[in-house]
Amino acid sequence: PELAQETDRLLALEIVATRDIQPGEEVYMDYGPEWEAAWEHHVQHWRPPPRYASDDPQEEDSSYFSVAQANENDQTPLPYLVSHELRSERDHPHIFTGCLYWPTELDHDPIFFDDNVDFDALTDDQLLENYGDDGSQYQGSYRRHANGSYWPCAVLYQEDNPTNDNVTYVVRITQHNLQPSLPWDERDLPRFLYNFPRSSIRYFVKPYESDTFLHGAFRHSIHIRDEIFPSQWKNLA
């Protein structure tokens, strides 16, 4: 259980050269004959399973629509993942949306401590007024982002800003599982942001949905010769 909570590297093996490596000289690693044979067999026989070639999972194809492709277009969000309404969200089989976000005192507004709310009695405008805040402050570069700064979110719809050249969106933030729980999450209340910039929306691979977890992905142990390890390590009993 303790290891499951860790997000950083735990076990590592450092490789140290026993002589100087000259400029332009290649360094090879020998994984052993069993690994090499298993890899050759995999290359000859493996076929990729059907995946989605576009952001719309209803359009199945044999090629894979990657997160890198999703993030290539920094002008508009993926059409399939925009719900176009306040009360619903769209889900993709292997991609999820992340929004640049950090908690403020607004996350502790008294409105988020009221868990006796009849949402059906509220209009969309009332919902946004009660549970929404200006998201224009959430500006930043993904290249310089800190770990955990993108929270799961849903892009609901594009706003009409006739006097603003920057395209903005209404988004709903979801609690980050590695951050302390906030009042709105504890009471299952919505956390909306309006005026949210497109540049602060990114796409990520869902846990266990990357190519590493494709059915039949190559896996084989890498053998390390016993003489590499110090004798002190091998006599722990």
Protein backbone atom coordinates (compact mmCIF):
# COMPACT_ATOMS: atom_id res chain seq x y z
CA PRO A 1 0.00 0.00 0.00
CA GLU A 2 2.82 2.42 0.80
CA LEU A 3 4.51 1.85 -2.55
CA ALA A 4 1.23 2.53 -4.36
CA GLN A 5 1.26 6.08 -2.96
CA GLU A 6 4.72 6.84 -4.31
CA THR A 7 4.94 8.88 -7.52
CA ASP A 8 8.73 9.09 -7.91
CA ARG A 9 11.35 6.56 -8.95
CA LEU A 10 11.86 3.86 -6.32
CA LEU A 11 14.29 1.21 -7.58
CA ALA A 12 17.07 2.20 -9.97
CA LEU A 13 20.27 0.71 -11.34
CA GLU A 14 23.11 3.05 -12.22
CA ILE A 15 25.44 2.05 -15.05
CA VAL A 16 29.04 3.26 -14.69
CA ALA A 17 31.59 3.12 -17.51
CA THR A 18 34.88 1.43 -16.65
CA ARG A 19 36.74 3.58 -19.18
CA ASP A 20 36.35 6.92 -20.90
CA ILE A 21 33.75 7.05 -23.68
CA GLN A 22 35.03 8.90 -26.70
CA PRO A 23 32.92 11.51 -28.56
CA GLY A 24 30.74 9.79 -31.16
CA GLU A 25 31.36 6.35 -29.69
CA GLU A 26 28.23 4.22 -29.33
CA VAL A 27 27.38 2.43 -26.12
CA TYR A 28 25.67 -0.94 -26.44
CA MET A 29 23.79 -2.94 -23.83
CA ASP A 30 23.63 -6.71 -24.14
CA TYR A 31 20.24 -7.92 -22.87
CA GLY A 32 21.23 -11.52 -23.42
CA PRO A 33 20.38 -14.11 -26.10
CA GLU A 34 17.00 -15.01 -24.59
CA TRP A 35 15.82 -11.40 -24.75
CA GLU A 36 17.09 -10.99 -28.30
CA ALA A 37 15.30 -14.15 -29.46
CA ALA A 38 12.06 -13.11 -27.77
CA TRP A 39 12.24 -9.66 -29.40
CA GLU A 40 12.81 -11.09 -32.87
CA HIS A 41 9.82 -13.40 -32.38
CA HIS A 42 7.69 -10.45 -31.25
CA VAL A 43 8.64 -8.32 -34.28
CA GLN A 44 7.72 -11.13 -36.66
CA HIS A 45 4.40 -12.14 -35.13
CA TRP A 46 2.86 -9.23 -33.23
CA ARG A 47 0.00 -7.28 -34.80
CA PRO A 48 -1.38 -4.12 -33.20
CA PRO A 49 -4.98 -4.39 -32.00
CA PRO A 50 -7.60 -2.02 -33.43
CA ARG A 51 -7.39 1.43 -31.87
CA TYR A 52 -8.94 4.80 -32.59
CA ALA A 53 -7.59 6.83 -35.47
CA SER A 54 -9.36 10.04 -34.47
CA ASP A 55 -10.51 11.74 -31.32
CA ASP A 56 -13.96 10.22 -31.90
CA PRO A 57 -13.94 6.62 -30.60
CA GLN A 58 -16.92 5.79 -32.78
CA GLU A 59 -14.61 5.98 -35.81
CA GLU A 60 -12.60 2.79 -35.35
CA ASP A 61 -9.47 2.19 -37.37
CA SER A 62 -6.34 0.10 -37.11
CA SER A 63 -4.14 3.11 -36.35
CA TYR A 64 -3.82 4.76 -32.96
CA PHE A 65 -4.86 8.34 -32.16
CA SER A 66 -2.19 9.43 -29.71
CA VAL A 67 -2.06 12.14 -27.07
CA ALA A 68 0.77 13.74 -29.06
CA GLN A 69 -1.63 14.12 -31.99
CA ALA A 70 -4.30 15.49 -29.66
CA ASN A 71 -1.93 18.17 -28.37
CA GLU A 72 -0.69 19.19 -31.82
CA ASN A 73 -3.73 21.40 -32.33
CA ASP A 74 -3.41 24.17 -29.76
CA GLN A 75 -6.23 26.24 -31.26
CA THR A 76 -9.34 24.19 -30.56
CA PRO A 77 -10.01 21.29 -28.15
CA LEU A 78 -10.78 17.84 -29.48
CA PRO A 79 -14.34 18.10 -30.81
CA TYR A 80 -15.43 14.77 -29.36
CA LEU A 81 -14.39 15.79 -25.83
CA VAL A 82 -16.44 19.01 -25.83
CA SER A 83 -19.92 18.32 -24.47
CA HIS A 84 -21.46 21.66 -25.60
CA GLU A 85 -23.58 21.82 -22.45
CA LEU A 86 -23.08 22.51 -18.77
CA ARG A 87 -24.59 19.37 -17.27
CA SER A 88 -22.83 16.63 -19.21
CA GLU A 89 -19.31 15.51 -19.98
CA ARG A 90 -17.73 13.44 -22.73
CA ASP A 91 -15.47 10.46 -22.12
CA HIS A 92 -12.79 8.96 -24.35
CA PRO A 93 -11.49 5.38 -24.01
CA HIS A 94 -7.81 6.29 -23.55
CA ILE A 95 -7.50 10.10 -23.45
CA PHE A 96 -8.51 12.49 -20.69
CA THR A 97 -8.46 16.28 -20.50
CA GLY A 98 -6.31 18.18 -18.02
CA CYS A 99 -6.63 21.84 -17.06
CA LEU A 100 -3.96 23.98 -15.43
CA TYR A 101 -5.29 24.56 -11.93
CA TRP A 102 -4.29 25.38 -8.39
CA PRO A 103 -6.59 25.77 -5.38
CA THR A 104 -7.35 29.23 -4.01
CA GLU A 105 -9.54 30.63 -1.25
CA LEU A 106 -12.43 30.45 -3.72
CA ASP A 107 -12.40 26.66 -3.36
CA HIS A 108 -13.49 27.21 0.26
CA ASP A 109 -16.39 29.53 -0.54
CA PRO A 110 -19.43 28.86 1.72
CA ILE A 111 -21.38 27.72 -1.36
CA PHE A 112 -19.19 24.59 -1.43
CA PHE A 113 -20.21 23.60 2.09
CA ASP A 114 -23.90 23.31 1.27
CA ASP A 115 -24.67 19.70 0.33
CA ASN A 116 -28.45 20.12 0.25
CA VAL A 117 -28.87 21.41 -3.28
CA ASP A 118 -31.59 20.70 -5.82
CA PHE A 119 -29.73 21.05 -9.11
CA ASP A 120 -32.86 20.41 -11.14
CA ALA A 121 -34.35 23.59 -9.70
CA LEU A 122 -31.41 25.68 -10.90
CA THR A 123 -30.96 27.02 -14.40
CA ASP A 124 -27.63 26.70 -16.17
CA ASP A 125 -26.97 30.40 -15.56
CA GLN A 126 -27.63 29.93 -11.86
CA LEU A 127 -25.35 26.90 -11.72
CA LEU A 128 -22.52 28.82 -13.34
CA GLU A 129 -23.10 31.84 -11.12
CA ASN A 130 -23.15 29.78 -7.92
CA TYR A 131 -20.39 27.30 -8.64
CA GLY A 132 -18.25 29.09 -11.21
CA ASP A 133 -15.36 31.53 -11.03
CA ASP A 134 -13.21 33.46 -13.47
CA GLY A 135 -10.57 31.08 -14.82
CA SER A 136 -8.52 33.65 -16.74
CA GLN A 137 -5.84 33.63 -14.01
CA TYR A 138 -4.84 30.07 -14.90
CA GLN A 139 -2.18 30.97 -17.42
CA GLY A 140 1.06 29.06 -17.84
CA SER A 141 3.29 27.03 -20.11
CA TYR A 142 3.09 23.27 -20.19
CA ARG A 143 6.84 23.12 -20.81
CA ARG A 144 7.44 24.74 -17.43
CA HIS A 145 4.58 23.19 -15.47
CA ALA A 146 5.06 21.67 -12.04
CA ASN A 147 4.15 18.10 -11.18
CA GLY A 148 0.44 17.82 -10.39
CA SER A 149 -0.45 21.23 -11.80
CA TYR A 150 -2.86 19.83 -14.40
CA TRP A 151 -6.12 18.59 -12.88
CA PRO A 152 -8.64 16.35 -14.66
CA CYS A 153 -11.33 18.46 -16.23
CA ALA A 154 -14.10 18.54 -18.80
CA VAL A 155 -14.35 21.14 -21.55
CA LEU A 156 -18.05 22.03 -21.65
CA TYR A 157 -18.36 24.68 -24.33
CA GLN A 158 -16.68 27.60 -26.05
CA GLU A 159 -17.74 31.04 -24.87
CA ASP A 160 -18.99 33.82 -27.10
CA ASN A 161 -16.55 36.70 -26.66
CA PRO A 162 -17.22 39.21 -29.45
CA THR A 163 -14.91 41.80 -27.82
CA ASN A 164 -12.12 39.35 -26.96
CA ASP A 165 -9.73 37.95 -29.54
CA ASN A 166 -8.71 35.09 -27.23
CA VAL A 167 -10.94 32.01 -27.40
CA THR A 168 -12.03 30.90 -23.93
CA TYR A 169 -14.03 28.00 -22.55
CA VAL A 170 -16.20 26.92 -19.68
CA VAL A 171 -14.61 23.92 -17.97
CA ARG A 172 -15.44 21.74 -14.98
CA ILE A 173 -12.55 20.79 -12.71
CA THR A 174 -12.31 17.33 -11.13
CA GLN A 175 -10.42 16.61 -7.92
CA HIS A 176 -6.77 15.65 -8.46
CA ASN A 177 -6.17 12.29 -6.79
CA LEU A 178 -2.74 13.35 -5.52
CA GLN A 179 -3.94 16.63 -3.99
CA PRO A 180 -5.85 17.20 -0.72
CA SER A 181 -9.59 16.83 -1.19
CA LEU A 182 -11.46 20.13 -1.53
CA PRO A 183 -14.92 20.97 -0.12
CA TRP A 184 -16.68 20.83 -3.49
CA ASP A 185 -15.29 17.37 -4.15
CA GLU A 186 -16.25 16.07 -0.71
CA ARG A 187 -19.86 17.17 -1.29
CA ASP A 188 -19.99 16.17 -4.97
CA LEU A 189 -20.56 19.76 -6.08
CA PRO A 190 -19.47 21.13 -9.46
CA ARG A 191 -16.41 23.36 -9.81
CA PHE A 192 -16.82 25.48 -12.94
CA LEU A 193 -14.40 27.97 -14.43
CA TYR A 194 -15.32 30.40 -17.18
CA ASN A 195 -12.98 32.56 -19.28
CA PHE A 196 -10.62 29.59 -19.25
CA PRO A 197 -7.81 29.90 -21.85
CA ARG A 198 -7.28 27.27 -24.51
CA SER A 199 -3.54 27.32 -23.84
CA SER A 200 -4.13 25.87 -20.37
CA ILE A 201 -5.93 22.77 -21.68
CA ARG A 202 -3.88 19.64 -22.38
CA TYR A 203 -4.55 15.99 -23.14
CA PHE A 204 -3.11 13.01 -21.28
CA VAL A 205 -3.24 9.23 -21.49
CA LYS A 206 -5.52 7.56 -18.99
CA PRO A 207 -3.82 5.27 -16.48
CA TYR A 208 -3.12 1.83 -17.95
CA GLU A 209 -4.21 2.95 -21.45
CA SER A 210 -0.86 3.83 -23.02
CA ASP A 211 0.88 1.69 -25.66
CA THR A 212 2.73 -0.07 -22.84
CA PHE A 213 -0.55 -1.70 -21.83
CA LEU A 214 -1.69 -2.79 -25.28
CA HIS A 215 -2.63 -6.44 -25.43
CA GLY A 216 0.42 -8.41 -26.46
CA ALA A 217 2.91 -5.58 -25.87
CA PHE A 218 6.46 -6.89 -25.65
CA ARG A 219 7.72 -7.83 -22.21
CA HIS A 220 10.72 -9.94 -21.31
CA SER A 221 13.10 -10.00 -18.40
CA ILE A 222 16.60 -8.57 -18.88
CA HIS A 223 19.15 -10.90 -17.35
CA ILE A 224 22.09 -9.44 -15.46
CA ARG A 225 25.19 -11.56 -14.90
CA ASP A 226 25.88 -12.46 -11.28
CA GLU A 227 29.45 -11.16 -11.39
CA ILE A 228 28.16 -7.61 -11.88
CA PHE A 229 26.86 -7.51 -8.32
CA PRO A 230 29.18 -7.10 -5.29
CA SER A 231 29.49 -10.17 -3.13
CA GLN A 232 28.08 -8.19 -0.16
CA TRP A 233 24.79 -7.85 -2.03
CA LYS A 234 24.54 -11.57 -2.70
CA ASN A 235 25.15 -12.72 0.87
CA LEU A 236 22.33 -10.97 2.67
CA ALA A 237 21.04 -14.21 4.19
